[in-house]
Amino acid sequence: METGSVTMLRVFFFGSSNDAQVRNTIETYFQNLFTSEGQRDWGDILSFVSPIITEDINSSLMAPIIDEEIRHAVFQMGALKSPGPDGFPSVFYQKYWNIIGEDMCGLVRRFFSENENIYAMNVTKIALIPKVLSPELVTQFRPIALCNYSYKVISKILANRL
């Protein structure tokens, strides 16, 4: 079912006996697309980059996470952007912050201080959005990652600090 490096999808998705084949084709395509080709030697390139992180900058990057920083990250995120695997978008967490904020802050602080289990937070579902009206190729789908919300908050805090 492959033509060159493009995987063909000429299978019906509605009750088809080929559902397992379709799933395998899609998984294989995206695993190959998002898999590293191995380690690279960055030595020569990095030797031309001057370090600019001072002790003060490093101290601010390494400072303990505070609740207001977590709250700020939550309210910076687009309210109706893609939801997490549980189906809740950012607006849920923002609207009910007075109820769930303490739990979210505790989770994020534990992640940074006690090495909270990243595997549980890193559960992500992939939704395939068609780019064209009647897609026939895997390349005609755009993958959207539905990351766990706590993972998004942690990523936002790191981005803000950097």
C-alpha atoms as a PDB file:
ATOM      1  CA  MET A   1       0.000   0.000   0.000  1.00  0.00           C
ATOM      2  CA  GLU A   2       2.928   2.382  -0.391  1.00  0.00           C
ATOM      3  CA  THR A   3       3.853   4.564  -3.316  1.00  0.00           C
ATOM      4  CA  GLY A   4       7.383   5.845  -2.915  1.00  0.00           C
ATOM      5  CA  SER A   5       7.665   7.340   0.556  1.00  0.00           C
ATOM      6  CA  VAL A   6       3.976   8.273   0.753  1.00  0.00           C
ATOM      7  CA  THR A   7       1.675   5.774   2.407  1.00  0.00           C
ATOM      8  CA  MET A   8      -1.672   5.345   0.665  1.00  0.00           C
ATOM      9  CA  LEU A   9      -4.973   5.242   2.549  1.00  0.00           C
ATOM     10  CA  ARG A  10      -7.660   3.765   0.329  1.00  0.00           C
ATOM     11  CA  VAL A  11      -9.665   2.104   3.053  1.00  0.00           C
ATOM     12  CA  PHE A  12     -13.117   2.856   4.403  1.00  0.00           C
ATOM     13  CA  PHE A  13     -13.169   3.961   8.035  1.00  0.00           C
ATOM     14  CA  PHE A  14     -16.786   3.026   8.717  1.00  0.00           C
ATOM     15  CA  GLY A  15     -17.058  -0.595   9.873  1.00  0.00           C
ATOM     16  CA  SER A  16     -14.388  -1.767   7.487  1.00  0.00           C
ATOM     17  CA  SER A  17     -12.655  -5.070   8.106  1.00  0.00           C
ATOM     18  CA  ASN A  18      -9.446  -3.207   7.277  1.00  0.00           C
ATOM     19  CA  ASP A  19      -9.556  -1.001  10.411  1.00  0.00           C
ATOM     20  CA  ALA A  20      -6.476  -2.707  11.901  1.00  0.00           C
ATOM     21  CA  GLN A  21      -4.595  -2.209   8.636  1.00  0.00           C
ATOM     22  CA  VAL A  22      -5.566   1.480   8.526  1.00  0.00           C
ATOM     23  CA  ARG A  23      -4.460   1.970  12.122  1.00  0.00           C
ATOM     24  CA  ASN A  24      -1.154   0.209  11.445  1.00  0.00           C
ATOM     25  CA  THR A  25      -0.540   2.290   8.311  1.00  0.00           C
ATOM     26  CA  ILE A  26      -1.203   5.556  10.151  1.00  0.00           C
ATOM     27  CA  GLU A  27       0.861   4.590  13.217  1.00  0.00           C
ATOM     28  CA  THR A  28       3.790   3.467  11.072  1.00  0.00           C
ATOM     29  CA  TYR A  29       3.735   6.665   9.013  1.00  0.00           C
ATOM     30  CA  PHE A  30       3.711   9.026  12.001  1.00  0.00           C
ATOM     31  CA  GLN A  31       6.190   6.949  14.031  1.00  0.00           C
ATOM     32  CA  ASN A  32       8.634   7.152  11.131  1.00  0.00           C
ATOM     33  CA  LEU A  33       7.936  10.859  10.662  1.00  0.00           C
ATOM     34  CA  PHE A  34       8.530  11.738  14.327  1.00  0.00           C
ATOM     35  CA  THR A  35      11.408   9.355  15.072  1.00  0.00           C
ATOM     36  CA  SER A  36      14.928  10.661  15.447  1.00  0.00           C
ATOM     37  CA  GLU A  37      17.533   9.401  13.024  1.00  0.00           C
ATOM     38  CA  GLY A  38      20.011   8.905  15.835  1.00  0.00           C
ATOM     39  CA  GLN A  39      22.452  10.968  17.811  1.00  0.00           C
ATOM     40  CA  ARG A  40      24.154  13.925  16.232  1.00  0.00           C
ATOM     41  CA  ASP A  41      27.547  15.382  17.035  1.00  0.00           C
ATOM     42  CA  TRP A  42      26.865  18.985  18.065  1.00  0.00           C
ATOM     43  CA  GLY A  43      30.439  19.596  19.216  1.00  0.00           C
ATOM     44  CA  ASP A  44      31.599  21.668  16.256  1.00  0.00           C
ATOM     45  CA  ILE A  45      28.435  23.766  16.099  1.00  0.00           C
ATOM     46  CA  LEU A  46      28.221  24.412  19.834  1.00  0.00           C
ATOM     47  CA  SER A  47      31.846  25.519  20.000  1.00  0.00           C
ATOM     48  CA  PHE A  48      30.786  28.711  18.163  1.00  0.00           C
ATOM     49  CA  VAL A  49      28.032  29.549  20.680  1.00  0.00           C
ATOM     50  CA  SER A  50      29.121  31.734  23.568  1.00  0.00           C
ATOM     51  CA  PRO A  51      27.521  30.939  26.927  1.00  0.00           C
ATOM     52  CA  ILE A  52      25.402  33.861  28.169  1.00  0.00           C
ATOM     53  CA  ILE A  53      23.767  32.437  31.291  1.00  0.00           C
ATOM     54  CA  THR A  54      25.050  34.386  34.278  1.00  0.00           C
ATOM     55  CA  GLU A  55      24.818  33.263  37.899  1.00  0.00           C
ATOM     56  CA  ASP A  56      21.846  35.631  38.387  1.00  0.00           C
ATOM     57  CA  ILE A  57      20.022  34.235  35.352  1.00  0.00           C
ATOM     58  CA  ASN A  58      20.759  30.689  36.489  1.00  0.00           C
ATOM     59  CA  SER A  59      19.447  31.466  39.974  1.00  0.00           C
ATOM     60  CA  SER A  60      16.170  32.794  38.568  1.00  0.00           C
ATOM     61  CA  LEU A  61      15.817  29.757  36.294  1.00  0.00           C
ATOM     62  CA  MET A  62      16.415  27.401  39.227  1.00  0.00           C
ATOM     63  CA  ALA A  63      14.228  29.273  41.765  1.00  0.00           C
ATOM     64  CA  PRO A  64      11.398  27.281  43.349  1.00  0.00           C
ATOM     65  CA  ILE A  65       8.076  27.437  41.525  1.00  0.00           C
ATOM     66  CA  ILE A  66       5.500  29.598  43.310  1.00  0.00           C
ATOM     67  CA  ASP A  67       1.708  29.373  43.103  1.00  0.00           C
ATOM     68  CA  GLU A  68       1.325  32.749  41.375  1.00  0.00           C
ATOM     69  CA  GLU A  69       3.702  31.598  38.622  1.00  0.00           C
ATOM     70  CA  ILE A  70       1.566  28.504  38.103  1.00  0.00           C
ATOM     71  CA  ARG A  71      -1.660  30.543  38.070  1.00  0.00           C
ATOM     72  CA  HIS A  72      -0.124  32.989  35.588  1.00  0.00           C
ATOM     73  CA  ALA A  73       0.802  30.120  33.236  1.00  0.00           C
ATOM     74  CA  VAL A  74      -2.722  28.662  33.436  1.00  0.00           C
ATOM     75  CA  PHE A  75      -4.340  31.980  32.535  1.00  0.00           C
ATOM     76  CA  GLN A  76      -1.865  32.651  29.707  1.00  0.00           C
ATOM     77  CA  MET A  77      -3.002  29.610  27.762  1.00  0.00           C
ATOM     78  CA  GLY A  78      -5.643  29.948  25.060  1.00  0.00           C
ATOM     79  CA  ALA A  79      -9.003  29.191  26.674  1.00  0.00           C
ATOM     80  CA  LEU A  80     -10.380  27.143  23.785  1.00  0.00           C
ATOM     81  CA  LYS A  81      -7.222  25.590  22.379  1.00  0.00           C
ATOM     82  CA  SER A  82      -7.039  21.811  21.975  1.00  0.00           C
ATOM     83  CA  PRO A  83      -8.243  19.954  25.071  1.00  0.00           C
ATOM     84  CA  GLY A  84      -6.332  17.281  26.927  1.00  0.00           C
ATOM     85  CA  PRO A  85      -7.102  13.557  26.753  1.00  0.00           C
ATOM     86  CA  ASP A  86      -9.861  14.149  29.323  1.00  0.00           C
ATOM     87  CA  GLY A  87     -11.630  16.535  26.932  1.00  0.00           C
ATOM     88  CA  PHE A  88     -11.268  19.634  29.122  1.00  0.00           C
ATOM     89  CA  PRO A  89      -9.808  22.758  27.447  1.00  0.00           C
ATOM     90  CA  SER A  90      -7.969  25.498  29.348  1.00  0.00           C
ATOM     91  CA  VAL A  91     -11.183  27.443  29.957  1.00  0.00           C
ATOM     92  CA  PHE A  92     -12.330  24.725  32.377  1.00  0.00           C
ATOM     93  CA  TYR A  93      -9.232  25.127  34.536  1.00  0.00           C
ATOM     94  CA  GLN A  94      -9.424  28.915  34.324  1.00  0.00           C
ATOM     95  CA  LYS A  95     -13.130  29.136  35.197  1.00  0.00           C
ATOM     96  CA  TYR A  96     -12.852  26.718  38.132  1.00  0.00           C
ATOM     97  CA  TRP A  97      -9.420  27.826  39.336  1.00  0.00           C
ATOM     98  CA  ASN A  98     -10.814  28.655  42.784  1.00  0.00           C
ATOM     99  CA  ILE A  99     -11.764  24.954  43.146  1.00  0.00           C
ATOM    100  CA  ILE A 100      -8.890  23.136  41.410  1.00  0.00           C
ATOM    101  CA  GLY A 101      -6.056  25.672  41.682  1.00  0.00           C
ATOM    102  CA  GLU A 102      -4.647  24.284  44.919  1.00  0.00           C
ATOM    103  CA  ASP A 103      -4.490  20.747  43.489  1.00  0.00           C
ATOM    104  CA  MET A 104      -2.905  21.973  40.242  1.00  0.00           C
ATOM    105  CA  CYS A 105      -0.312  24.002  42.160  1.00  0.00           C
ATOM    106  CA  GLY A 106       0.502  21.013  44.353  1.00  0.00           C
ATOM    107  CA  LEU A 107       0.963  18.754  41.330  1.00  0.00           C
ATOM    108  CA  VAL A 108       3.243  21.222  39.554  1.00  0.00           C
ATOM    109  CA  ARG A 109       5.318  21.909  42.688  1.00  0.00           C
ATOM    110  CA  ARG A 110       5.731  18.148  43.259  1.00  0.00           C
ATOM    111  CA  PHE A 111       6.862  17.721  39.662  1.00  0.00           C
ATOM    112  CA  PHE A 112       9.640  20.278  40.105  1.00  0.00           C
ATOM    113  CA  SER A 113      10.671  19.343  43.643  1.00  0.00           C
ATOM    114  CA  GLU A 114      10.000  15.616  44.032  1.00  0.00           C
ATOM    115  CA  ASN A 115      10.211  14.344  40.466  1.00  0.00           C
ATOM    116  CA  GLU A 116       6.484  13.639  40.117  1.00  0.00           C
ATOM    117  CA  ASN A 117       5.851  10.768  37.693  1.00  0.00           C
ATOM    118  CA  ILE A 118       6.227  12.397  34.266  1.00  0.00           C
ATOM    119  CA  TYR A 119       4.945   9.267  32.522  1.00  0.00           C
ATOM    120  CA  ALA A 120       1.459   9.721  33.951  1.00  0.00           C
ATOM    121  CA  MET A 121       1.460  13.379  32.886  1.00  0.00           C
ATOM    122  CA  ASN A 122       2.833  12.661  29.434  1.00  0.00           C
ATOM    123  CA  VAL A 123      -0.211  10.686  28.243  1.00  0.00           C
ATOM    124  CA  THR A 124      -1.115  12.194  24.893  1.00  0.00           C
ATOM    125  CA  LYS A 125      -3.778  11.301  22.363  1.00  0.00           C
ATOM    126  CA  ILE A 126      -3.367  12.145  18.706  1.00  0.00           C
ATOM    127  CA  ALA A 127      -6.316  13.358  16.645  1.00  0.00           C
ATOM    128  CA  LEU A 128      -5.959  13.354  12.866  1.00  0.00           C
ATOM    129  CA  ILE A 129      -7.546  16.371  11.195  1.00  0.00           C
ATOM    130  CA  PRO A 130      -8.089  16.060   7.419  1.00  0.00           C
ATOM    131  CA  LYS A 131      -6.367  18.772   5.388  1.00  0.00           C
ATOM    132  CA  VAL A 132      -8.505  18.077   2.316  1.00  0.00           C
ATOM    133  CA  LEU A 133     -12.154  17.177   1.740  1.00  0.00           C
ATOM    134  CA  SER A 134     -11.660  13.466   0.942  1.00  0.00           C
ATOM    135  CA  PRO A 135      -8.219  12.416   2.171  1.00  0.00           C
ATOM    136  CA  GLU A 136      -6.644   9.369   0.577  1.00  0.00           C
ATOM    137  CA  LEU A 137      -3.055   9.740   1.812  1.00  0.00           C
ATOM    138  CA  VAL A 138      -1.731   9.789   5.344  1.00  0.00           C
ATOM    139  CA  THR A 139       0.062  13.023   4.423  1.00  0.00           C
ATOM    140  CA  GLN A 140      -3.360  14.620   3.948  1.00  0.00           C
ATOM    141  CA  PHE A 141      -3.966  14.533   7.704  1.00  0.00           C
ATOM    142  CA  ARG A 142      -2.627  16.968  10.276  1.00  0.00           C
ATOM    143  CA  PRO A 143      -1.883  15.370  13.665  1.00  0.00           C
ATOM    144  CA  ILE A 144      -3.036  17.320  16.709  1.00  0.00           C
ATOM    145  CA  ALA A 145      -1.601  16.282  20.070  1.00  0.00           C
ATOM    146  CA  LEU A 146      -4.066  16.342  22.942  1.00  0.00           C
ATOM    147  CA  CYS A 147      -1.538  16.652  25.765  1.00  0.00           C
ATOM    148  CA  ASN A 148      -2.369  16.303  29.427  1.00  0.00           C
ATOM    149  CA  TYR A 149      -3.168  19.751  30.860  1.00  0.00           C
ATOM    150  CA  SER A 150      -0.665  19.519  33.718  1.00  0.00           C
ATOM    151  CA  TYR A 151       2.025  18.785  31.113  1.00  0.00           C
ATOM    152  CA  LYS A 152       0.980  21.944  29.227  1.00  0.00           C
ATOM    153  CA  VAL A 153       1.175  24.032  32.405  1.00  0.00           C
ATOM    154  CA  ILE A 154       4.655  22.737  33.216  1.00  0.00           C
ATOM    155  CA  SER A 155       5.793  23.431  29.650  1.00  0.00           C
ATOM    156  CA  LYS A 156       4.374  26.969  29.839  1.00  0.00           C
ATOM    157  CA  ILE A 157       6.194  27.648  33.116  1.00  0.00           C
ATOM    158  CA  LEU A 158       9.473  26.471  31.566  1.00  0.00           C
ATOM    159  CA  ALA A 159       8.875  28.604  28.460  1.00  0.00           C
ATOM    160  CA  ASN A 160       8.093  31.654  30.597  1.00  0.00           C
ATOM    161  CA  ARG A 161      11.281  31.213  32.589  1.00  0.00           C
ATOM    162  CA  LEU A 162      13.389  30.823  29.475  1.00  0.00           C
END
